[in-house]
């Protein structure tokens, strides 16, 4: 069984300090989980070794590396740049068990790779992972020639009965629960006998920029991939031209990334930028990419609309705040990962906010909408769940006697850190879960932000 990387056990709970002066800091953020895990999958399927520079070293990426090693890839993590040698084994082997933890990327990116092996690969994980959507991916893989046993549940645990490859072809699925369902197929499709054409049929796919991230990384690795919009019958061509992509075609062929540079994780940068806004300070994120694979433009638009002053400088992205935060009405469908921190900012704003396009967050590491409504409510805040989002009415917050439950969700810990700056000392239960994507978060907060306390 692939090894599990445990969450930090020392100091699982965390008391977030209040800020008593403006936060001023130059912050280095670890690498993007999304880019690192896509890079690892591409490296596992590549025709030559791949160097991955500045990878994220955290639970989710270690689970991905462990899963791909179990399938035959060799990954050297001994240096700052990881070296991955391809090696997905097509010959028969003894059965394998893979621990996906609570990592959506491992749950959805690795099963297509497992289908290329000639062995039985069983996927298991944390209790929460059985509630995370994967059924449409398993059905799509069956349509491409895979054999999968899931007892009819469409969820983990399940077993992929690999038989040395997949024929590929045309497949249609509903990816409205997660963009990773499409990305998981795209990343492996060039290794199918005939490639694949992947069509989405259903409500809009959330976090669509992450599919574009996958497409761009594939093209950079020499894969021929096209994205298009297939209009329903009777829809005009002009309407189709304006619509988001819902069909992707990948031709079979070699994958040759060579070197993949991992950007800083912009979602993990958000709480530090929020700290500048809450305290009237100034925070610079070193190395913020000028041309990003992540939805950087949308993040900057949202921070600016909430009152931040944003500038690009020689050291990175600098955000200044006045201590006054504006409420907003915003569609967060492209940046769902930002929702917890943006909700924390909205709870501290001078006017109400309404966030939409995030109903899919109910099936993330936690039910994020319910968790935010509950935990901000404990502080005296007013967060109401909507059909596909949240309504936030600012109220005075008070942390005295409150235990903020992380719900075993790394982004909830980051939201709590922002809330604690204004609400007073806030005790966060199981804050160690932030190690899922940012093991050094609490230490960095203490040295760069909490010193303003």
Protein backbone atom coordinates (compact mmCIF):
# COMPACT_ATOMS: atom_id res chain seq x y z
CA UNK A 1 0.00 0.00 0.00
CA UNK A 2 1.33 3.46 -0.81
CA UNK A 3 2.46 5.20 2.34
CA UNK A 4 0.34 7.84 4.00
CA UNK A 5 1.92 11.12 5.03
CA UNK A 6 0.32 11.99 8.38
CA UNK A 7 -0.89 15.38 9.32
CA UNK A 8 1.25 17.19 11.87
CA UNK A 9 0.59 15.83 15.31
CA UNK A 10 2.39 18.44 17.36
CA UNK A 11 0.21 21.37 18.42
CA UNK A 12 -2.85 20.25 16.48
CA UNK A 13 -4.85 23.17 17.93
CA UNK A 14 -3.73 26.74 17.37
CA UNK A 15 -4.50 30.07 19.03
CA UNK A 16 -4.59 32.80 16.39
CA UNK A 17 -3.48 36.18 17.76
CA UNK A 18 -5.27 39.46 17.17
CA UNK A 19 -3.42 42.23 15.34
CA UNK A 20 -2.75 45.47 17.18
CA UNK A 21 -0.87 47.26 14.43
CA UNK A 22 -0.70 47.09 10.63
CA UNK A 23 0.87 43.98 9.13
CA UNK A 24 3.85 44.72 6.91
CA UNK A 25 5.62 41.75 5.38
CA UNK A 26 7.44 40.26 2.41
CA UNK A 27 6.21 36.68 2.16
CA UNK A 28 7.43 33.59 0.31
CA UNK A 29 4.59 31.17 -0.48
CA UNK A 30 5.18 27.47 -1.24
CA UNK A 31 4.43 26.00 -4.64
CA UNK A 32 1.03 25.37 -6.16
CA UNK A 33 -0.52 22.01 -5.31
CA UNK A 34 -2.48 22.05 -8.55
CA UNK A 35 0.61 22.55 -10.70
CA UNK A 36 2.81 20.16 -8.70
CA UNK A 37 0.36 17.26 -8.91
CA UNK A 38 -0.31 17.79 -12.60
CA UNK A 39 3.45 17.91 -13.17
CA UNK A 40 3.91 14.61 -11.33
CA UNK A 41 1.28 12.84 -13.46
CA UNK A 42 2.78 14.18 -16.70
CA UNK A 43 6.25 13.11 -15.52
CA UNK A 44 5.01 9.60 -14.73
CA UNK A 45 3.69 9.25 -18.29
CA UNK A 46 6.54 11.04 -20.05
CA UNK A 47 8.98 9.51 -22.51
CA UNK A 48 12.00 11.06 -20.76
CA UNK A 49 12.88 12.17 -17.19
CA UNK A 50 11.28 15.39 -15.93
CA UNK A 51 12.69 18.01 -13.57
CA UNK A 52 10.07 19.68 -11.37
CA UNK A 53 11.41 22.88 -9.82
CA UNK A 54 10.04 24.48 -6.64
CA UNK A 55 7.40 21.78 -6.05
CA UNK A 56 5.01 21.97 -3.13
CA UNK A 57 6.13 19.60 -0.38
CA UNK A 58 2.96 18.83 1.56
CA UNK A 59 0.60 15.98 2.33
CA UNK A 60 -1.34 16.14 -0.97
CA UNK A 61 1.79 16.14 -3.15
CA UNK A 62 3.47 13.40 -1.13
CA UNK A 63 0.34 11.28 -1.52
CA UNK A 64 0.50 11.87 -5.28
CA UNK A 65 4.20 10.98 -5.43
CA UNK A 66 3.54 7.85 -3.35
CA UNK A 67 0.67 6.78 -5.61
CA UNK A 68 2.74 7.17 -8.79
CA UNK A 69 5.70 5.35 -7.23
CA UNK A 70 3.38 2.46 -6.44
CA UNK A 71 2.51 2.33 -10.15
CA UNK A 72 6.17 2.21 -11.19
CA UNK A 73 7.37 5.83 -11.48
CA UNK A 74 10.65 6.84 -9.80
CA UNK A 75 10.62 10.22 -8.06
CA UNK A 76 13.67 11.67 -6.30
CA UNK A 77 12.57 14.22 -3.71
CA UNK A 78 16.03 14.68 -2.19
CA UNK A 79 16.67 18.09 -3.73
CA UNK A 80 14.77 21.36 -4.13
CA UNK A 81 14.01 20.27 -7.69
CA UNK A 82 12.42 16.84 -7.94
CA UNK A 83 13.55 14.44 -10.67
CA UNK A 84 10.87 12.07 -11.93
CA UNK A 85 11.65 9.15 -14.21
CA UNK A 86 8.68 7.63 -16.05
CA UNK A 87 7.84 4.03 -15.32
CA UNK A 88 4.13 3.18 -15.24
CA UNK A 89 4.48 -0.59 -15.47
CA UNK A 90 2.39 -2.31 -18.19
CA UNK A 91 3.49 -5.83 -17.15
CA UNK A 92 1.46 -7.92 -14.65
CA UNK A 93 2.23 -7.22 -11.01
CA UNK A 94 0.76 -8.05 -7.66
CA UNK A 95 -2.28 -5.97 -6.58
CA UNK A 96 -1.64 -2.44 -5.34
CA UNK A 97 -3.45 -0.28 -2.80
CA UNK A 98 -3.22 3.49 -3.05
CA UNK A 99 -4.08 5.89 -0.24
CA UNK A 100 -5.58 9.08 -1.67
CA UNK A 101 -5.99 10.72 1.75
CA UNK A 102 -8.49 13.51 1.21
CA UNK A 103 -6.77 14.74 -1.96
CA UNK A 104 -9.14 15.32 -4.85
CA UNK A 105 -6.26 15.43 -7.35
CA UNK A 106 -5.03 11.97 -6.32
CA UNK A 107 -8.58 10.59 -6.30
CA UNK A 108 -9.27 11.84 -9.84
CA UNK A 109 -5.89 12.03 -11.61
CA UNK A 110 -4.44 8.61 -10.72
CA UNK A 111 -7.23 6.15 -11.72
CA UNK A 112 -6.72 6.83 -15.47
CA UNK A 113 -3.00 6.15 -14.96
CA UNK A 114 -3.82 2.94 -13.07
CA UNK A 115 -5.88 1.78 -16.06
CA UNK A 116 -2.64 1.71 -18.11
CA UNK A 117 -1.07 -0.89 -15.80
CA UNK A 118 -1.66 -4.63 -15.89
CA UNK A 119 -2.67 -5.11 -12.28
CA UNK A 120 -5.49 -4.43 -9.83
CA UNK A 121 -5.19 -1.01 -8.18
CA UNK A 122 -7.48 -0.25 -5.22
CA UNK A 123 -8.07 3.36 -4.15
CA UNK A 124 -8.89 4.17 -0.51
CA UNK A 125 -8.56 7.27 1.63
CA UNK A 126 -9.75 9.31 4.59
CA UNK A 127 -13.40 8.88 5.60
CA UNK A 128 -14.37 12.14 3.88
CA UNK A 129 -13.09 11.00 0.49
CA UNK A 130 -16.00 8.59 0.02
CA UNK A 131 -18.25 11.68 -0.19
CA UNK A 132 -16.17 13.41 -2.87
CA UNK A 133 -17.43 13.09 -6.46
CA UNK A 134 -15.61 10.55 -8.62
CA UNK A 135 -18.46 8.50 -10.14
CA UNK A 136 -18.59 10.39 -13.49
CA UNK A 137 -14.85 9.76 -13.96
CA UNK A 138 -15.22 6.02 -13.32
CA UNK A 139 -18.12 5.81 -15.78
CA UNK A 140 -16.11 7.72 -18.38
CA UNK A 141 -13.12 5.41 -17.93
CA UNK A 142 -15.35 2.39 -18.47
CA UNK A 143 -16.51 4.01 -21.71
CA UNK A 144 -12.86 4.28 -22.78
CA UNK A 145 -12.22 0.60 -22.10
CA UNK A 146 -11.35 0.37 -18.41
CA UNK A 147 -12.64 -2.28 -16.01
CA UNK A 148 -13.54 -0.85 -12.59
CA UNK A 149 -15.25 -2.36 -9.56
CA UNK A 150 -16.96 0.00 -7.12
CA UNK A 151 -19.92 -2.08 -5.85
CA UNK A 152 -22.17 0.34 -7.70
CA UNK A 153 -21.38 3.22 -5.32
CA UNK A 154 -19.56 5.48 -7.77
CA UNK A 155 -17.23 6.45 -4.93
CA UNK A 156 -14.11 5.36 -3.06
CA UNK A 157 -13.10 2.69 -2.30
CA UNK A 158 -12.94 1.23 -5.80
CA UNK A 159 -10.59 -0.98 -7.80
CA UNK A 160 -9.23 -0.38 -11.29
CA UNK A 161 -8.50 -3.71 -13.01
CA UNK A 162 -5.71 -2.58 -15.31
CA UNK A 163 -5.09 -4.59 -18.45
CA UNK A 164 -2.08 -2.84 -19.94
CA UNK A 165 -3.70 0.16 -21.63
CA UNK A 166 -6.89 1.84 -22.80
CA UNK A 167 -8.27 2.07 -26.33
CA UNK A 168 -9.55 5.64 -25.83
CA UNK A 169 -12.27 7.22 -27.94
CA UNK A 170 -15.15 9.64 -27.40
CA UNK A 171 -16.72 9.93 -23.96
CA UNK A 172 -19.33 12.24 -22.41
CA UNK A 173 -19.61 13.03 -18.70
CA UNK A 174 -21.17 15.56 -16.34
CA UNK A 175 -18.23 17.39 -14.72
CA UNK A 176 -20.35 20.02 -12.94
CA UNK A 177 -19.23 18.68 -9.54
CA UNK A 178 -15.49 19.13 -10.20
CA UNK A 179 -13.22 20.33 -13.00
CA UNK A 180 -10.76 17.63 -11.88
CA UNK A 181 -12.99 15.01 -13.53
CA UNK A 182 -12.05 16.49 -16.91
CA UNK A 183 -8.42 17.19 -16.00
CA UNK A 184 -7.92 13.61 -14.82
CA UNK A 185 -8.89 12.30 -18.24
CA UNK A 186 -6.96 14.98 -20.16
CA UNK A 187 -3.68 14.30 -18.35
CA UNK A 188 -3.60 10.64 -19.42
CA UNK A 189 -5.44 10.75 -22.76
CA UNK A 190 -2.30 11.03 -24.92
CA UNK A 191 -1.30 7.59 -23.58
CA UNK A 192 -4.55 5.96 -24.76
CA UNK A 193 -4.34 3.97 -28.02
CA UNK A 194 -6.44 6.47 -29.99
CA UNK A 195 -6.29 9.46 -27.63
CA UNK A 196 -9.64 10.78 -26.47
CA UNK A 197 -12.38 13.29 -27.09
CA UNK A 198 -13.90 14.36 -23.78
CA UNK A 199 -17.28 16.10 -23.75
CA UNK A 200 -18.99 17.75 -20.81
CA UNK A 201 -22.79 17.64 -20.71
CA UNK A 202 -24.39 19.40 -17.75
CA UNK A 203 -24.33 22.64 -15.75
CA UNK A 204 -21.18 24.78 -16.07
CA UNK A 205 -17.95 23.20 -14.88
CA UNK A 206 -16.65 24.96 -11.74
CA UNK A 207 -13.03 26.13 -11.50
CA UNK A 208 -12.78 26.14 -15.30
CA UNK A 209 -9.37 27.91 -15.19
CA UNK A 210 -7.95 24.69 -13.76
CA UNK A 211 -8.91 22.85 -16.95
CA UNK A 212 -7.15 25.58 -18.91
CA UNK A 213 -4.14 25.02 -16.61
CA UNK A 214 -4.18 21.34 -17.58
CA UNK A 215 -4.47 22.14 -21.30
CA UNK A 216 -1.58 24.62 -21.17
CA UNK A 217 0.66 22.18 -19.29
CA UNK A 218 -0.15 19.43 -21.80
CA UNK A 219 0.70 21.68 -24.73
CA UNK A 220 3.95 22.71 -23.07
CA UNK A 221 4.76 18.98 -22.83
CA UNK A 222 4.25 18.52 -26.58
CA UNK A 223 0.74 17.05 -26.45
CA UNK A 224 -1.73 17.98 -29.20
CA UNK A 225 -4.89 19.11 -27.42
CA UNK A 226 -7.74 21.32 -28.60
CA UNK A 227 -10.61 22.85 -26.65
CA UNK A 228 -13.93 23.83 -28.17
CA UNK A 229 -17.58 24.46 -27.40
CA UNK A 230 -20.12 22.02 -28.77
CA UNK A 231 -23.37 23.93 -29.01
CA UNK A 232 -26.65 22.09 -28.34
CA UNK A 233 -28.88 21.58 -31.41
CA UNK A 234 -30.52 24.81 -32.49
CA UNK A 235 -27.96 27.07 -30.80
CA UNK A 236 -26.51 29.78 -33.00
CA UNK A 237 -22.82 29.83 -33.94
CA UNK A 238 -22.29 33.24 -32.36
CA UNK A 239 -23.64 31.99 -29.05
CA UNK A 240 -21.39 28.94 -29.23
CA UNK A 241 -18.34 31.09 -29.91
CA UNK A 242 -18.91 33.04 -26.69
CA UNK A 243 -19.47 29.99 -24.50
CA UNK A 244 -16.91 28.25 -22.33
CA UNK A 245 -15.19 25.13 -23.63
CA UNK A 246 -17.10 21.92 -23.04
CA UNK A 247 -15.23 19.55 -25.34
CA UNK A 248 -11.54 18.64 -25.49
CA UNK A 249 -9.66 16.43 -27.95
CA UNK A 250 -6.27 14.91 -27.16
CA UNK A 251 -4.30 13.10 -29.86
CA UNK A 252 -2.17 10.09 -28.92
CA UNK A 253 1.55 10.72 -28.73
CA UNK A 254 4.59 11.17 -26.50
CA UNK A 255 4.60 13.43 -23.43
CA UNK A 256 7.85 15.35 -22.99
CA UNK A 257 7.71 18.05 -20.29
CA UNK A 258 11.49 18.18 -19.74
CA UNK A 259 11.30 20.80 -17.00
CA UNK A 260 8.23 22.14 -15.19
CA UNK A 261 8.53 25.22 -12.98
CA UNK A 262 5.92 25.37 -10.20
CA UNK A 263 4.44 28.78 -9.38
CA UNK A 264 3.66 29.92 -5.81
CA UNK A 265 0.18 28.81 -4.72
CA UNK A 266 -1.98 31.91 -5.09
CA UNK A 267 -4.82 30.52 -2.94
CA UNK A 268 -2.32 30.03 -0.12
CA UNK A 269 -1.14 33.62 -0.59
CA UNK A 270 -4.64 34.99 -0.01
CA UNK A 271 -4.71 34.98 3.82
CA UNK A 272 -1.51 37.04 3.92
CA UNK A 273 -2.92 39.57 1.44
CA UNK A 274 -6.13 39.61 3.47
CA UNK A 275 -4.07 40.42 6.58
CA UNK A 276 -2.89 43.63 4.89
CA UNK A 277 -6.47 44.58 4.11
CA UNK A 278 -7.81 43.84 7.60
CA UNK A 279 -5.05 45.69 9.45
CA UNK A 280 -4.40 48.58 7.06
CA UNK A 281 -0.95 47.22 6.30
CA UNK A 282 1.04 46.15 3.28
CA UNK A 283 2.04 42.64 2.20
CA UNK A 284 4.13 41.63 -0.80
CA UNK A 285 4.05 38.08 -2.19
CA UNK A 286 7.48 37.38 -3.58
CA UNK A 287 7.52 35.68 -6.98
CA UNK A 288 3.87 36.29 -7.85
CA UNK A 289 3.78 35.24 -11.53
CA UNK A 290 3.20 37.98 -14.09
CA UNK A 291 1.68 35.41 -16.48
CA UNK A 292 0.10 32.68 -14.39
CA UNK A 293 -1.39 29.23 -14.95
CA UNK A 294 -3.66 30.07 -11.99
CA UNK A 295 -6.63 32.51 -12.01
CA UNK A 296 -4.43 35.40 -10.85
CA UNK A 297 -6.37 38.11 -12.70
CA UNK A 298 -9.65 37.14 -11.06
CA UNK A 299 -8.07 37.06 -7.60
CA UNK A 300 -6.68 40.57 -8.08
CA UNK A 301 -10.05 41.81 -9.35
CA UNK A 302 -11.80 40.50 -6.24
CA UNK A 303 -9.29 41.93 -3.78
CA UNK A 304 -9.43 45.30 -5.55
CA UNK A 305 -13.23 45.37 -5.46
CA UNK A 306 -13.10 44.70 -1.71
CA UNK A 307 -10.86 47.71 -1.13
CA UNK A 308 -7.28 46.58 -1.69
CA UNK A 309 -4.70 48.61 -3.57
CA UNK A 310 -2.78 46.18 -5.75
CA UNK A 311 0.55 46.84 -7.48
CA UNK A 312 3.07 44.67 -9.29
CA UNK A 313 6.63 45.50 -8.27
CA UNK A 314 10.14 44.09 -8.68
CA UNK A 315 9.69 41.84 -5.65
CA UNK A 316 6.23 40.56 -6.51
CA UNK A 317 2.59 41.50 -5.92
CA UNK A 318 2.02 44.15 -3.25
CA UNK A 319 -1.35 44.61 -1.59
CA UNK A 320 -2.06 47.59 0.64
CA UNK A 321 -5.13 48.00 2.79
CA UNK A 322 -6.86 50.84 4.57
CA UNK A 323 -8.43 48.68 7.26
CA UNK A 324 -11.79 49.26 5.58
CA UNK A 325 -13.21 46.36 3.55
CA UNK A 326 -16.06 46.67 1.03
CA UNK A 327 -18.78 44.07 0.65
CA UNK A 328 -19.22 42.69 -2.87
CA UNK A 329 -21.56 40.64 -5.01
CA UNK A 330 -19.40 38.19 -6.91
CA UNK A 331 -19.43 34.93 -8.85
CA UNK A 332 -16.62 32.81 -7.39
CA UNK A 333 -17.05 29.83 -9.73
CA UNK A 334 -13.55 30.33 -11.16
CA UNK A 335 -11.86 30.71 -7.77
CA UNK A 336 -13.74 28.43 -5.40
CA UNK A 337 -10.60 27.78 -3.32
CA UNK A 338 -10.58 31.47 -2.39
CA UNK A 339 -14.06 31.31 -0.85
CA UNK A 340 -13.11 30.68 2.82
CA UNK A 341 -10.68 33.63 3.00
CA UNK A 342 -12.97 35.91 0.99
CA UNK A 343 -15.81 34.98 3.36
CA UNK A 344 -13.62 35.96 6.30
CA UNK A 345 -12.96 39.33 4.65
CA UNK A 346 -16.66 39.76 3.91
CA UNK A 347 -17.53 39.07 7.54
CA UNK A 348 -15.27 42.02 8.47
CA UNK A 349 -16.57 44.36 5.74
CA UNK A 350 -18.64 47.53 6.05
CA UNK A 351 -21.48 46.23 3.86
CA UNK A 352 -23.05 42.86 2.97
CA UNK A 353 -21.65 40.42 0.41
CA UNK A 354 -23.13 37.67 -1.71
CA UNK A 355 -21.02 34.93 -3.29
CA UNK A 356 -22.45 32.62 -5.96
CA UNK A 357 -21.24 29.84 -8.24
CA UNK A 358 -19.81 27.77 -5.37
CA UNK A 359 -22.41 25.11 -4.64
CA UNK A 360 -19.79 22.48 -5.54
CA UNK A 361 -17.83 23.41 -2.40
CA UNK A 362 -20.22 21.26 -0.38
CA UNK A 363 -18.23 18.27 -1.68
CA UNK A 364 -14.71 19.55 -1.03
CA UNK A 365 -12.47 18.69 1.94
CA UNK A 366 -15.48 19.67 4.04
CA UNK A 367 -18.92 21.02 3.24
CA UNK A 368 -17.33 24.44 3.05
CA UNK A 369 -20.55 26.41 2.82
CA UNK A 370 -22.06 24.81 5.94
CA UNK A 371 -18.73 24.95 7.79
CA UNK A 372 -18.24 28.67 7.10
CA UNK A 373 -21.81 29.49 8.13
CA UNK A 374 -21.39 27.54 11.37
CA UNK A 375 -17.94 28.70 12.40
CA UNK A 376 -18.35 32.40 11.55
CA UNK A 377 -21.70 32.20 13.34
CA UNK A 378 -19.93 31.10 16.53
CA UNK A 379 -18.08 34.41 16.46
CA UNK A 380 -21.33 36.36 16.19
CA UNK A 381 -21.20 36.69 12.42
CA UNK A 382 -24.07 36.20 10.00
CA UNK A 383 -23.35 33.84 7.11
CA UNK A 384 -26.32 32.24 5.36
CA UNK A 385 -26.16 29.35 2.93
CA UNK A 386 -27.77 29.87 -0.47
CA UNK A 387 -28.51 27.33 -3.16
CA UNK A 388 -25.15 27.88 -4.83
CA UNK A 389 -23.36 30.24 -2.48
CA UNK A 390 -23.29 32.37 0.65
CA UNK A 391 -24.76 35.66 1.90
CA UNK A 392 -22.63 37.48 4.48
CA UNK A 393 -23.92 40.31 6.67
CA UNK A 394 -21.10 41.90 8.69
CA UNK A 395 -21.50 42.04 12.47
CA UNK A 396 -19.08 42.68 15.34
CA UNK A 397 -17.09 39.48 15.96
CA UNK A 398 -15.81 38.20 19.26
CA UNK A 399 -13.54 35.18 19.75
CA UNK A 400 -13.63 34.93 23.55
CA UNK A 401 -14.59 31.39 24.54
CA UNK A 402 -15.00 30.29 20.90
CA UNK A 403 -13.44 27.15 19.44
CA UNK A 404 -13.31 27.42 15.64
CA UNK A 405 -13.49 23.90 14.18
CA UNK A 406 -11.34 23.42 11.07
CA UNK A 407 -13.59 20.59 9.85
CA UNK A 408 -10.30 18.95 8.80
CA UNK A 409 -10.09 21.51 5.99
CA UNK A 410 -6.89 23.44 5.26
CA UNK A 411 -8.71 26.45 3.78
CA UNK A 412 -10.87 26.80 6.89
CA UNK A 413 -7.69 27.20 8.96
CA UNK A 414 -6.60 30.04 6.68
CA UNK A 415 -9.98 31.72 7.04
CA UNK A 416 -9.74 31.42 10.83
CA UNK A 417 -6.33 33.10 10.76
CA UNK A 418 -7.81 36.14 9.02
CA UNK A 419 -10.83 36.29 11.34
CA UNK A 420 -8.61 36.05 14.40
CA UNK A 421 -6.77 39.24 13.46
CA UNK A 422 -9.94 41.25 14.14
CA UNK A 423 -11.92 39.04 16.50
CA UNK A 424 -9.29 38.59 19.18
CA UNK A 425 -7.44 35.45 20.21
CA UNK A 426 -9.19 32.63 18.39
CA UNK A 427 -8.63 28.95 19.17
CA UNK A 428 -8.69 26.78 16.03
CA UNK A 429 -9.29 23.08 16.52
CA UNK A 430 -7.10 20.71 14.50
CA UNK A 431 -5.28 23.52 12.75
CA UNK A 432 -2.57 20.99 11.85
CA UNK A 433 -4.75 19.95 8.93
CA UNK A 434 -3.37 23.00 7.09
CA UNK A 435 -0.37 20.75 6.42
CA UNK A 436 -2.41 19.22 3.61
CA UNK A 437 -1.14 22.00 1.34
CA UNK A 438 0.89 24.39 3.52
CA UNK A 439 2.86 22.66 6.33
CA UNK A 440 4.61 25.87 7.42
CA UNK A 441 1.51 28.08 7.45
CA UNK A 442 1.24 28.62 11.21
CA UNK A 443 4.97 29.27 11.57
CA UNK A 444 4.96 31.76 8.69
CA UNK A 445 1.89 33.48 10.14
CA UNK A 446 3.70 33.82 13.47
CA UNK A 447 6.84 35.34 11.95
CA UNK A 448 5.26 37.56 9.28
CA UNK A 449 1.79 38.43 10.58
CA UNK A 450 1.42 37.72 14.28
CA UNK A 451 4.39 39.94 15.12
CA UNK A 452 1.95 42.78 14.55
CA UNK A 453 -0.01 41.50 17.55
